[in-house]
C-alpha atoms as a PDB file:
ATOM      1  CA  MET A   1     -30.542  -2.784 -44.386  1.00  0.00           C
ATOM      2  CA  ILE A   2     -28.610  -2.378 -41.141  1.00  0.00           C
ATOM      3  CA  HIS A   3     -25.637   0.003 -41.214  1.00  0.00           C
ATOM      4  CA  ASP A   4     -22.596  -0.269 -38.971  1.00  0.00           C
ATOM      5  CA  ILE A   5     -21.117   3.216 -38.719  1.00  0.00           C
ATOM      6  CA  ILE A   6     -17.361   3.348 -38.117  1.00  0.00           C
ATOM      7  CA  PRO A   7     -15.431   6.589 -37.515  1.00  0.00           C
ATOM      8  CA  ASP A   8     -11.865   7.716 -38.196  1.00  0.00           C
ATOM      9  CA  ILE A   9      -9.353   4.853 -38.526  1.00  0.00           C
ATOM     10  CA  HIS A  10      -6.106   6.730 -39.309  1.00  0.00           C
ATOM     11  CA  ALA A  11      -4.138   3.762 -40.644  1.00  0.00           C
ATOM     12  CA  ASP A  12      -4.685   1.661 -37.502  1.00  0.00           C
ATOM     13  CA  LEU A  13      -5.362  -1.839 -38.862  1.00  0.00           C
ATOM     14  CA  SER A  14      -5.809  -3.438 -35.439  1.00  0.00           C
ATOM     15  CA  ARG A  15      -8.472  -0.912 -34.481  1.00  0.00           C
ATOM     16  CA  LEU A  16     -10.317  -1.499 -37.749  1.00  0.00           C
ATOM     17  CA  GLU A  17     -10.186  -5.293 -37.679  1.00  0.00           C
ATOM     18  CA  LYS A  18     -11.177  -5.563 -34.022  1.00  0.00           C
ATOM     19  CA  THR A  19     -14.092  -3.213 -34.638  1.00  0.00           C
ATOM     20  CA  LEU A  20     -15.255  -5.303 -37.584  1.00  0.00           C
ATOM     21  CA  LEU A  21     -14.960  -8.495 -35.543  1.00  0.00           C
ATOM     22  CA  ALA A  22     -16.913  -6.979 -32.664  1.00  0.00           C
ATOM     23  CA  LEU A  23     -19.672  -6.053 -35.128  1.00  0.00           C
ATOM     24  CA  GLY A  24     -19.873  -9.610 -36.464  1.00  0.00           C
ATOM     25  CA  TYR A  25     -17.873  -9.184 -39.679  1.00  0.00           C
ATOM     26  CA  ARG A  26     -15.733 -12.166 -40.642  1.00  0.00           C
ATOM     27  CA  LYS A  27     -12.639 -12.674 -42.765  1.00  0.00           C
ATOM     28  CA  THR A  28     -13.149 -15.178 -45.568  1.00  0.00           C
ATOM     29  CA  THR A  29     -10.990 -16.563 -48.375  1.00  0.00           C
ATOM     30  CA  ILE A  30     -12.634 -17.156 -51.750  1.00  0.00           C
ATOM     31  CA  ALA A  31     -10.633 -18.227 -54.817  1.00  0.00           C
ATOM     32  CA  GLY A  32      -7.435 -17.347 -53.003  1.00  0.00           C
ATOM     33  CA  GLU A  33      -8.597 -13.832 -52.142  1.00  0.00           C
ATOM     34  CA  THR A  34      -9.070 -12.877 -48.481  1.00  0.00           C
ATOM     35  CA  ARG A  35     -11.695 -10.287 -47.673  1.00  0.00           C
ATOM     36  CA  TRP A  36     -14.087  -9.213 -44.935  1.00  0.00           C
ATOM     37  CA  ARG A  37     -17.783 -10.055 -45.162  1.00  0.00           C
ATOM     38  CA  PRO A  38     -20.564  -8.393 -43.138  1.00  0.00           C
ATOM     39  CA  PRO A  39     -23.367 -10.208 -41.316  1.00  0.00           C
ATOM     40  CA  LEU A  40     -26.348 -10.886 -43.553  1.00  0.00           C
ATOM     41  CA  GLY A  41     -28.279  -7.691 -44.205  1.00  0.00           C
ATOM     42  CA  HIS A  42     -25.516  -5.406 -42.882  1.00  0.00           C
ATOM     43  CA  ARG A  43     -23.333  -2.797 -44.542  1.00  0.00           C
ATOM     44  CA  ALA A  44     -20.470  -0.757 -43.092  1.00  0.00           C
ATOM     45  CA  ALA A  45     -20.615   3.047 -43.233  1.00  0.00           C
ATOM     46  CA  PHE A  46     -17.226   4.743 -42.909  1.00  0.00           C
ATOM     47  CA  LEU A  47     -16.858   8.383 -41.842  1.00  0.00           C
ATOM     48  CA  GLY A  48     -13.535   9.123 -43.584  1.00  0.00           C
ATOM     49  CA  ASP A  49      -9.992   9.783 -42.348  1.00  0.00           C
ATOM     50  CA  PHE A  50      -8.675   6.355 -43.296  1.00  0.00           C
ATOM     51  CA  ILE A  51      -5.047   7.497 -43.538  1.00  0.00           C
ATOM     52  CA  ASP A  52      -2.173   9.242 -41.725  1.00  0.00           C
ATOM     53  CA  ALA A  53      -0.939   8.914 -38.140  1.00  0.00           C
ATOM     54  CA  GLY A  54      -0.907   5.102 -38.005  1.00  0.00           C
ATOM     55  CA  PRO A  55       1.580   2.859 -39.841  1.00  0.00           C
ATOM     56  CA  GLN A  56      -0.779   0.688 -41.914  1.00  0.00           C
ATOM     57  CA  ASN A  57      -2.285   2.908 -44.599  1.00  0.00           C
ATOM     58  CA  ARG A  58      -2.073   0.264 -47.320  1.00  0.00           C
ATOM     59  CA  GLU A  59      -3.670  -2.514 -45.274  1.00  0.00           C
ATOM     60  CA  VAL A  60      -6.469  -0.302 -43.956  1.00  0.00           C
ATOM     61  CA  LEU A  61      -7.251   0.960 -47.448  1.00  0.00           C
ATOM     62  CA  LYS A  62      -7.229  -2.600 -48.795  1.00  0.00           C
ATOM     63  CA  VAL A  63      -9.837  -3.695 -46.226  1.00  0.00           C
ATOM     64  CA  VAL A  64     -12.045  -0.644 -46.703  1.00  0.00           C
ATOM     65  CA  ARG A  65     -11.829  -0.528 -50.491  1.00  0.00           C
ATOM     66  CA  THR A  66     -12.570  -4.250 -50.822  1.00  0.00           C
ATOM     67  CA  LEU A  67     -15.704  -3.845 -48.703  1.00  0.00           C
ATOM     68  CA  HIS A  68     -16.654  -0.719 -50.646  1.00  0.00           C
ATOM     69  CA  ASP A  69     -16.069  -2.219 -54.095  1.00  0.00           C
ATOM     70  CA  ALA A  70     -18.156  -5.275 -53.186  1.00  0.00           C
ATOM     71  CA  GLY A  71     -21.095  -3.090 -52.132  1.00  0.00           C
ATOM     72  CA  ASP A  72     -20.613  -4.088 -48.477  1.00  0.00           C
ATOM     73  CA  ALA A  73     -19.685  -0.547 -47.389  1.00  0.00           C
ATOM     74  CA  ILE A  74     -20.378   3.092 -48.080  1.00  0.00           C
ATOM     75  CA  ALA A  75     -17.993   5.915 -47.205  1.00  0.00           C
ATOM     76  CA  VAL A  76     -17.533   9.678 -47.196  1.00  0.00           C
ATOM     77  CA  MET A  77     -14.389  11.741 -47.678  1.00  0.00           C
ATOM     78  CA  GLY A  78     -12.507  13.066 -44.649  1.00  0.00           C
ATOM     79  CA  ASN A  79     -10.210  16.053 -44.456  1.00  0.00           C
ATOM     80  CA  HIS A  80      -7.142  13.761 -44.542  1.00  0.00           C
ATOM     81  CA  GLU A  81      -8.270  12.288 -47.860  1.00  0.00           C
ATOM     82  CA  LEU A  82      -8.830  15.774 -49.281  1.00  0.00           C
ATOM     83  CA  ASN A  83      -5.467  16.928 -47.932  1.00  0.00           C
ATOM     84  CA  ALA A  84      -3.763  13.954 -49.588  1.00  0.00           C
ATOM     85  CA  ILE A  85      -5.359  14.727 -52.943  1.00  0.00           C
ATOM     86  CA  LEU A  86      -4.220  18.358 -52.763  1.00  0.00           C
ATOM     87  CA  TYR A  87      -0.732  17.427 -51.492  1.00  0.00           C
ATOM     88  CA  HIS A  88      -0.151  15.257 -54.556  1.00  0.00           C
ATOM     89  CA  THR A  89      -1.721  17.619 -57.141  1.00  0.00           C
ATOM     90  CA  ARG A  90       0.248  20.300 -58.967  1.00  0.00           C
ATOM     91  CA  GLY A  91      -1.078  23.825 -58.521  1.00  0.00           C
ATOM     92  CA  THR A  92      -1.153  26.780 -56.153  1.00  0.00           C
ATOM     93  CA  ALA A  93      -1.570  26.433 -52.396  1.00  0.00           C
ATOM     94  CA  TRP A  94      -3.422  28.665 -49.979  1.00  0.00           C
ATOM     95  CA  GLY A  95      -1.169  30.861 -47.845  1.00  0.00           C
ATOM     96  CA  ALA A  96       2.397  32.064 -48.100  1.00  0.00           C
ATOM     97  CA  GLU A  97       4.094  28.756 -48.894  1.00  0.00           C
ATOM     98  CA  GLN A  98       4.183  28.287 -52.654  1.00  0.00           C
ATOM     99  CA  ASP A  99       6.091  25.321 -54.071  1.00  0.00           C
ATOM    100  CA  GLY A 100       3.961  24.218 -57.018  1.00  0.00           C
ATOM    101  CA  TRP A 101       1.565  21.940 -55.099  1.00  0.00           C
ATOM    102  CA  MET A 102      -2.033  22.612 -54.054  1.00  0.00           C
ATOM    103  CA  ARG A 103      -1.090  21.644 -50.505  1.00  0.00           C
ATOM    104  CA  ALA A 104       2.395  22.939 -49.834  1.00  0.00           C
ATOM    105  CA  HIS A 105       5.073  20.407 -48.943  1.00  0.00           C
ATOM    106  CA  THR A 106       6.010  22.174 -45.718  1.00  0.00           C
ATOM    107  CA  ALA A 107       7.654  20.355 -42.812  1.00  0.00           C
ATOM    108  CA  LYS A 108       4.336  20.457 -40.920  1.00  0.00           C
ATOM    109  CA  ASN A 109       2.361  18.989 -43.813  1.00  0.00           C
ATOM    110  CA  ARG A 110       5.009  16.355 -44.531  1.00  0.00           C
ATOM    111  CA  GLN A 111       4.942  15.289 -40.896  1.00  0.00           C
ATOM    112  CA  GLN A 112       1.136  15.074 -40.819  1.00  0.00           C
ATOM    113  CA  HIS A 113       1.127  13.027 -44.024  1.00  0.00           C
ATOM    114  CA  GLY A 114       4.300  11.128 -43.172  1.00  0.00           C
ATOM    115  CA  SER A 115       3.042   7.587 -42.674  1.00  0.00           C
ATOM    116  CA  PHE A 116       1.169   7.678 -45.994  1.00  0.00           C
ATOM    117  CA  LEU A 117       4.271   8.984 -47.779  1.00  0.00           C
ATOM    118  CA  ALA A 118       6.362   6.227 -46.215  1.00  0.00           C
ATOM    119  CA  GLU A 119       4.049   3.563 -47.630  1.00  0.00           C
ATOM    120  CA  TYR A 120       3.452   5.269 -50.988  1.00  0.00           C
ATOM    121  CA  PRO A 121       6.897   6.800 -51.652  1.00  0.00           C
ATOM    122  CA  ASP A 122       6.618   7.050 -55.413  1.00  0.00           C
ATOM    123  CA  ASP A 123       4.165   8.516 -57.882  1.00  0.00           C
ATOM    124  CA  ASP A 124       3.152   5.055 -58.997  1.00  0.00           C
ATOM    125  CA  ASP A 125      -0.049   3.331 -60.045  1.00  0.00           C
ATOM    126  CA  ALA A 126      -0.867   2.323 -56.461  1.00  0.00           C
ATOM    127  CA  ARG A 127      -0.787   5.880 -55.212  1.00  0.00           C
ATOM    128  CA  ARG A 128      -2.714   7.203 -58.206  1.00  0.00           C
ATOM    129  CA  SER A 129      -5.367   4.519 -57.696  1.00  0.00           C
ATOM    130  CA  VAL A 130      -5.772   5.424 -54.020  1.00  0.00           C
ATOM    131  CA  LEU A 131      -6.005   9.161 -54.726  1.00  0.00           C
ATOM    132  CA  ALA A 132      -8.581   8.551 -57.472  1.00  0.00           C
ATOM    133  CA  TRP A 133     -10.636   6.500 -55.013  1.00  0.00           C
ATOM    134  CA  PHE A 134     -10.457   9.307 -52.446  1.00  0.00           C
ATOM    135  CA  LEU A 135     -11.774  11.751 -55.062  1.00  0.00           C
ATOM    136  CA  SER A 136     -14.648   9.395 -55.900  1.00  0.00           C
ATOM    137  CA  LEU A 137     -15.990   9.558 -52.335  1.00  0.00           C
ATOM    138  CA  PRO A 138     -18.900  11.924 -51.664  1.00  0.00           C
ATOM    139  CA  LEU A 139     -18.516  14.650 -49.074  1.00  0.00           C
ATOM    140  CA  ALA A 140     -21.733  13.539 -47.349  1.00  0.00           C
ATOM    141  CA  LEU A 141     -24.513  10.982 -47.754  1.00  0.00           C
ATOM    142  CA  ASP A 142     -28.205  11.419 -46.955  1.00  0.00           C
ATOM    143  CA  LEU A 143     -29.805   7.984 -46.687  1.00  0.00           C
ATOM    144  CA  ALA A 144     -33.276   9.306 -45.744  1.00  0.00           C
ATOM    145  CA  ASP A 145     -33.368   7.663 -42.295  1.00  0.00           C
ATOM    146  CA  PHE A 146     -29.939   8.993 -41.347  1.00  0.00           C
ATOM    147  CA  ARG A 147     -26.994  10.977 -42.640  1.00  0.00           C
ATOM    148  CA  ILE A 148     -23.217  10.632 -42.510  1.00  0.00           C
ATOM    149  CA  VAL A 149     -20.525  13.276 -42.949  1.00  0.00           C
ATOM    150  CA  HIS A 150     -16.960  13.607 -41.772  1.00  0.00           C
ATOM    151  CA  ALA A 151     -17.038  16.913 -39.862  1.00  0.00           C
ATOM    152  CA  CYS A 152     -20.189  19.014 -40.310  1.00  0.00           C
ATOM    153  CA  TRP A 153     -23.675  18.652 -41.768  1.00  0.00           C
ATOM    154  CA  SER A 154     -24.531  22.208 -42.745  1.00  0.00           C
ATOM    155  CA  ALA A 155     -27.647  22.573 -44.891  1.00  0.00           C
ATOM    156  CA  ARG A 156     -26.303  25.835 -46.296  1.00  0.00           C
ATOM    157  CA  ALA A 157     -22.854  24.462 -47.133  1.00  0.00           C
ATOM    158  CA  LEU A 158     -24.222  21.296 -48.717  1.00  0.00           C
ATOM    159  CA  SER A 159     -26.698  23.278 -50.813  1.00  0.00           C
ATOM    160  CA  VAL A 160     -23.820  25.381 -52.170  1.00  0.00           C
ATOM    161  CA  ILE A 161     -21.903  22.228 -53.089  1.00  0.00           C
ATOM    162  CA  ALA A 162     -24.965  20.464 -54.528  1.00  0.00           C
ATOM    163  CA  ALA A 163     -25.751  23.411 -56.801  1.00  0.00           C
ATOM    164  CA  ARG A 164     -22.586  22.513 -58.713  1.00  0.00           C
ATOM    165  CA  ARG A 165     -22.114  18.835 -57.777  1.00  0.00           C
ATOM    166  CA  PRO A 166     -25.512  17.225 -57.094  1.00  0.00           C
ATOM    167  CA  THR A 167     -23.895  13.981 -55.918  1.00  0.00           C
ATOM    168  CA  LEU A 168     -21.719  15.957 -53.441  1.00  0.00           C
ATOM    169  CA  THR A 169     -18.658  14.454 -55.135  1.00  0.00           C
ATOM    170  CA  LEU A 170     -15.777  16.719 -56.152  1.00  0.00           C
ATOM    171  CA  THR A 171     -14.020  16.529 -59.504  1.00  0.00           C
ATOM    172  CA  GLU A 172     -10.490  17.439 -60.565  1.00  0.00           C
ATOM    173  CA  ALA A 173     -11.889  20.715 -61.924  1.00  0.00           C
ATOM    174  CA  ASP A 174     -12.808  21.784 -58.374  1.00  0.00           C
ATOM    175  CA  LEU A 175      -9.480  21.113 -56.715  1.00  0.00           C
ATOM    176  CA  GLN A 176      -7.596  24.354 -57.363  1.00  0.00           C
ATOM    177  CA  GLU A 177     -10.561  26.398 -56.141  1.00  0.00           C
ATOM    178  CA  VAL A 178     -10.881  24.232 -53.038  1.00  0.00           C
ATOM    179  CA  ALA A 179      -7.144  24.530 -52.325  1.00  0.00           C
ATOM    180  CA  LEU A 180      -7.216  28.339 -52.411  1.00  0.00           C
ATOM    181  CA  GLU A 181     -10.202  28.566 -50.024  1.00  0.00           C
ATOM    182  CA  GLU A 182     -11.351  31.903 -51.460  1.00  0.00           C
ATOM    183  CA  THR A 183     -14.868  31.201 -52.792  1.00  0.00           C
ATOM    184  CA  ASP A 184     -18.203  30.265 -51.253  1.00  0.00           C
ATOM    185  CA  PHE A 185     -17.921  26.812 -52.829  1.00  0.00           C
ATOM    186  CA  ALA A 186     -14.471  26.247 -51.340  1.00  0.00           C
ATOM    187  CA  GLY A 187     -15.672  27.470 -47.962  1.00  0.00           C
ATOM    188  CA  ALA A 188     -18.599  25.057 -48.091  1.00  0.00           C
ATOM    189  CA  VAL A 189     -16.253  22.142 -48.790  1.00  0.00           C
ATOM    190  CA  ALA A 190     -13.977  23.201 -45.915  1.00  0.00           C
ATOM    191  CA  THR A 191     -16.922  23.422 -43.519  1.00  0.00           C
ATOM    192  CA  THR A 192     -18.077  19.932 -44.510  1.00  0.00           C
ATOM    193  CA  VAL A 193     -14.728  18.158 -44.059  1.00  0.00           C
ATOM    194  CA  LYS A 194     -13.103  20.343 -41.366  1.00  0.00           C
ATOM    195  CA  GLY A 195     -16.007  21.870 -39.428  1.00  0.00           C
ATOM    196  CA  PRO A 196     -17.105  25.507 -39.053  1.00  0.00           C
ATOM    197  CA  GLU A 197     -15.184  28.353 -37.462  1.00  0.00           C
ATOM    198  CA  ILE A 198     -16.681  31.699 -36.454  1.00  0.00           C
ATOM    199  CA  ASP A 199     -15.234  35.090 -35.571  1.00  0.00           C
ATOM    200  CA  LEU A 200     -15.234  36.116 -31.944  1.00  0.00           C
ATOM    201  CA  PRO A 201     -16.490  39.594 -30.982  1.00  0.00           C
ATOM    202  CA  SER A 202     -14.041  42.434 -31.516  1.00  0.00           C
ATOM    203  CA  GLY A 203     -11.323  42.314 -28.889  1.00  0.00           C
ATOM    204  CA  ALA A 204     -12.220  38.811 -27.678  1.00  0.00           C
ATOM    205  CA  GLY A 205      -9.983  35.799 -28.136  1.00  0.00           C
ATOM    206  CA  PHE A 206      -8.165  32.948 -26.449  1.00  0.00           C
ATOM    207  CA  ARG A 207      -4.812  31.191 -26.359  1.00  0.00           C
ATOM    208  CA  ASP A 208      -4.837  27.801 -28.044  1.00  0.00           C
ATOM    209  CA  PHE A 209      -2.962  24.693 -26.881  1.00  0.00           C
ATOM    210  CA  HIS A 210       0.233  26.072 -28.472  1.00  0.00           C
ATOM    211  CA  GLY A 211      -0.107  29.449 -26.770  1.00  0.00           C
ATOM    212  CA  THR A 212      -1.149  31.262 -29.962  1.00  0.00           C
ATOM    213  CA  TRP A 213      -3.756  34.016 -29.592  1.00  0.00           C
ATOM    214  CA  ARG A 214      -6.825  33.378 -31.745  1.00  0.00           C
ATOM    215  CA  GLY A 215      -9.779  35.555 -32.686  1.00  0.00           C
ATOM    216  CA  GLN A 216     -11.779  32.682 -34.218  1.00  0.00           C
ATOM    217  CA  MET A 217     -13.168  29.554 -32.587  1.00  0.00           C
ATOM    218  CA  ARG A 218     -14.351  26.155 -33.776  1.00  0.00           C
ATOM    219  CA  LEU A 219     -18.083  25.699 -33.362  1.00  0.00           C
ATOM    220  CA  SER A 220     -19.808  22.639 -31.884  1.00  0.00           C
ATOM    221  CA  TRP A 221     -22.545  22.836 -34.499  1.00  0.00           C
ATOM    222  CA  TRP A 222     -24.347  19.761 -33.132  1.00  0.00           C
ATOM    223  CA  GLN A 223     -25.393  21.547 -29.937  1.00  0.00           C
ATOM    224  CA  SER A 224     -29.140  21.705 -29.359  1.00  0.00           C
ATOM    225  CA  GLY A 225     -31.488  23.062 -26.739  1.00  0.00           C
ATOM    226  CA  GLY A 226     -31.809  26.697 -27.690  1.00  0.00           C
ATOM    227  CA  PRO A 227     -29.462  29.639 -28.264  1.00  0.00           C
ATOM    228  CA  GLN A 228     -25.774  29.047 -27.607  1.00  0.00           C
ATOM    229  CA  THR A 229     -23.114  31.378 -26.256  1.00  0.00           C
ATOM    230  CA  TYR A 230     -19.537  31.637 -27.471  1.00  0.00           C
ATOM    231  CA  ARG A 231     -18.469  29.889 -24.290  1.00  0.00           C
ATOM    232  CA  SER A 232     -20.961  27.004 -24.449  1.00  0.00           C
ATOM    233  CA  ALA A 233     -20.469  26.271 -28.164  1.00  0.00           C
ATOM    234  CA  ALA A 234     -16.671  26.437 -28.300  1.00  0.00           C
ATOM    235  CA  LEU A 235     -14.449  23.548 -29.344  1.00  0.00           C
ATOM    236  CA  SER A 236     -10.711  23.065 -28.774  1.00  0.00           C
ATOM    237  CA  VAL A 237     -10.444  25.991 -26.367  1.00  0.00           C
ATOM    238  CA  PRO A 238      -8.167  25.179 -23.397  1.00  0.00           C
ATOM    239  CA  ASP A 239      -9.930  27.655 -21.099  1.00  0.00           C
ATOM    240  CA  PRO A 240     -13.508  28.429 -22.236  1.00  0.00           C
ATOM    241  CA  MET A 241     -13.718  31.024 -19.453  1.00  0.00           C
ATOM    242  CA  GLU A 242     -11.587  33.258 -21.680  1.00  0.00           C
ATOM    243  CA  LEU A 243     -14.541  33.507 -24.065  1.00  0.00           C
ATOM    244  CA  PRO A 244     -17.502  35.850 -23.654  1.00  0.00           C
ATOM    245  CA  ASP A 245     -20.604  34.209 -22.197  1.00  0.00           C
ATOM    246  CA  THR A 246     -22.837  36.110 -24.594  1.00  0.00           C
ATOM    247  CA  PRO A 247     -25.218  34.711 -27.238  1.00  0.00           C
ATOM    248  CA  ILE A 248     -23.822  33.995 -30.669  1.00  0.00           C
ATOM    249  CA  PRO A 249     -25.695  36.305 -33.062  1.00  0.00           C
ATOM    250  CA  ALA A 250     -27.471  34.763 -36.027  1.00  0.00           C
ATOM    251  CA  SER A 251     -25.543  34.892 -39.295  1.00  0.00           C
ATOM    252  CA  ASP A 252     -24.906  32.876 -42.442  1.00  0.00           C
ATOM    253  CA  ARG A 253     -21.840  31.342 -40.783  1.00  0.00           C
ATOM    254  CA  VAL A 254     -23.676  30.125 -37.665  1.00  0.00           C
ATOM    255  CA  GLU A 255     -25.839  27.060 -38.169  1.00  0.00           C
ATOM    256  CA  PHE A 256     -26.763  24.571 -35.453  1.00  0.00           C
ATOM    257  CA  TYR A 257     -28.241  21.220 -36.411  1.00  0.00           C
ATOM    258  CA  PRO A 258     -32.055  21.297 -36.190  1.00  0.00           C
ATOM    259  CA  ASP A 259     -33.688  19.148 -33.512  1.00  0.00           C
ATOM    260  CA  ALA A 260     -36.215  17.767 -36.010  1.00  0.00           C
ATOM    261  CA  ALA A 261     -33.685  16.778 -38.681  1.00  0.00           C
ATOM    262  CA  ALA A 262     -32.754  13.190 -39.488  1.00  0.00           C
ATOM    263  CA  PRO A 263     -30.006  11.699 -37.286  1.00  0.00           C
ATOM    264  CA  VAL A 264     -26.502  12.544 -38.470  1.00  0.00           C
ATOM    265  CA  PHE A 265     -23.292  10.706 -37.537  1.00  0.00           C
ATOM    266  CA  PHE A 266     -19.826  12.219 -37.892  1.00  0.00           C
ATOM    267  CA  GLY A 267     -16.223  11.885 -36.733  1.00  0.00           C
ATOM    268  CA  HIS A 268     -13.250  14.280 -36.926  1.00  0.00           C
ATOM    269  CA  TYR A 269     -13.259  15.972 -33.524  1.00  0.00           C
ATOM    270  CA  LYS A 270     -11.107  13.618 -31.399  1.00  0.00           C
ATOM    271  CA  LEU A 271     -13.352  13.977 -28.385  1.00  0.00           C
ATOM    272  CA  GLN A 272     -11.862  13.327 -24.965  1.00  0.00           C
ATOM    273  CA  GLY A 273     -13.325  11.829 -21.824  1.00  0.00           C
ATOM    274  CA  GLU A 274     -15.630   8.839 -21.524  1.00  0.00           C
ATOM    275  CA  PRO A 275     -18.175   8.482 -24.365  1.00  0.00           C
ATOM    276  CA  GLY A 276     -20.678   6.294 -22.530  1.00  0.00           C
ATOM    277  CA  ALA A 277     -22.975   9.087 -21.356  1.00  0.00           C
ATOM    278  CA  VAL A 278     -23.002  10.691 -24.799  1.00  0.00           C
ATOM    279  CA  LEU A 279     -23.859   7.438 -26.568  1.00  0.00           C
ATOM    280  CA  SER A 280     -26.515   6.375 -24.062  1.00  0.00           C
ATOM    281  CA  ARG A 281     -28.449   9.656 -24.325  1.00  0.00           C
ATOM    282  CA  PRO A 282     -27.766  10.877 -27.855  1.00  0.00           C
ATOM    283  CA  GLY A 283     -29.431  13.719 -29.614  1.00  0.00           C
ATOM    284  CA  ASN A 284     -29.904  13.511 -33.355  1.00  0.00           C
ATOM    285  CA  ALA A 285     -26.278  14.487 -34.058  1.00  0.00           C
ATOM    286  CA  VAL A 286     -23.689  12.042 -32.739  1.00  0.00           C
ATOM    287  CA  CYS A 287     -19.890  12.287 -32.901  1.00  0.00           C
ATOM    288  CA  LEU A 288     -18.247   8.849 -32.939  1.00  0.00           C
ATOM    289  CA  ASP A 289     -14.600   9.968 -32.939  1.00  0.00           C
ATOM    290  CA  TRP A 290     -13.171   9.138 -29.499  1.00  0.00           C
ATOM    291  CA  PRO A 291      -9.492   8.259 -30.072  1.00  0.00           C
ATOM    292  CA  ASP A 292      -9.068   6.551 -26.668  1.00  0.00           C
ATOM    293  CA  TYR A 293     -12.021   4.228 -27.329  1.00  0.00           C
ATOM    294  CA  ALA A 294     -13.262   2.137 -30.240  1.00  0.00           C
ATOM    295  CA  VAL A 295     -16.757   3.458 -30.892  1.00  0.00           C
ATOM    296  CA  SER A 296     -19.301   2.453 -33.530  1.00  0.00           C
ATOM    297  CA  TRP A 297     -23.052   2.703 -34.109  1.00  0.00           C
ATOM    298  CA  ARG A 298     -25.518   0.161 -35.491  1.00  0.00           C
ATOM    299  CA  LEU A 299     -28.616   1.591 -37.151  1.00  0.00           C
ATOM    300  CA  GLY A 300     -31.564   0.209 -39.124  1.00  0.00           C
ATOM    301  CA  SER A 301     -34.520  -2.210 -39.028  1.00  0.00           C
ATOM    302  CA  GLY A 302     -35.589  -1.060 -35.584  1.00  0.00           C
ATOM    303  CA  VAL A 303     -32.022  -1.005 -34.230  1.00  0.00           C
ATOM    304  CA  SER A 304     -30.235   2.144 -33.053  1.00  0.00           C
ATOM    305  CA  GLN A 305     -27.406   1.463 -30.659  1.00  0.00           C
ATOM    306  CA  GLY A 306     -23.972   2.877 -29.953  1.00  0.00           C
ATOM    307  CA  PHE A 307     -21.110   0.603 -28.945  1.00  0.00           C
ATOM    308  CA  ILE A 308     -17.934   1.136 -26.963  1.00  0.00           C
ATOM    309  CA  HIS A 309     -15.987  -2.039 -27.685  1.00  0.00           C
ATOM    310  CA  ASP A 310     -14.477  -3.427 -24.502  1.00  0.00           C
ATOM    311  CA  TRP A 311     -11.002  -3.880 -25.994  1.00  0.00           C
ATOM    312  CA  GLY A 312     -10.902  -0.294 -27.218  1.00  0.00           C
ATOM    313  CA  VAL A 313      -9.221   1.645 -24.416  1.00  0.00           C
ATOM    314  CA  ARG A 314      -5.660   2.340 -25.523  1.00  0.00           C
END
């Protein structure tokens, strides 16, 4: 089986369809139903974040779910799918905003989720069906030769989740705990779909892109090549020189992907720059989320190749 790995789509139907076409997938009509079909012996592998931002949530989900339901695709849950589930589920939210939903309906959250809400304005069967499908997606998949996850493959986090949910698939019974983010299980789920954050040394910090002072930083967990410093392993820090250039001490919260582990592919991080050098000399942990480019990866049966599709620059 050859897998075609496709990262974050965010309700952009053109991006999805052009990627599928570039990978040799074709649109067919059978018994009046139009659907996408993969090349013989191929299967798509989606890295989550199907919704929000773009204006075509329904059409993107129709394409992906049809492939998935036919056995022509596999998929994992992204943080936007989890956020949507919590936004539309009654309960208690993390933080100060309490309005009876597991993800508070604040102006910020409504804006982030706005395009989905515009297309699914009512609590109807269509929305319930989509949310149920989101919940059915595993948080990660280990296919022996390779792995896929939305934001972070942490052996520790996944072992915590698997101790309760061996298939790495959440249930409704987990949602309130996950929303409150207070337990080890909830923290493991957050690490898997959002990525890890670590505390900076006492007194150290940086100003983020909004000018807010922060004492925690996002960790580029896929770094390899020996011990990392706070400065070398930081993500989303406007000026890394603000961070101490001292080694990150070992702890339960710091876990870099082992060099000898199976290849893992992930999205989520909205990497900037030109991805060509990264894809031509990959390690065994490869981020495919480059919003300014359409990136994918083909893997299996002696094939392992990253693609930057020539139409993809926005």
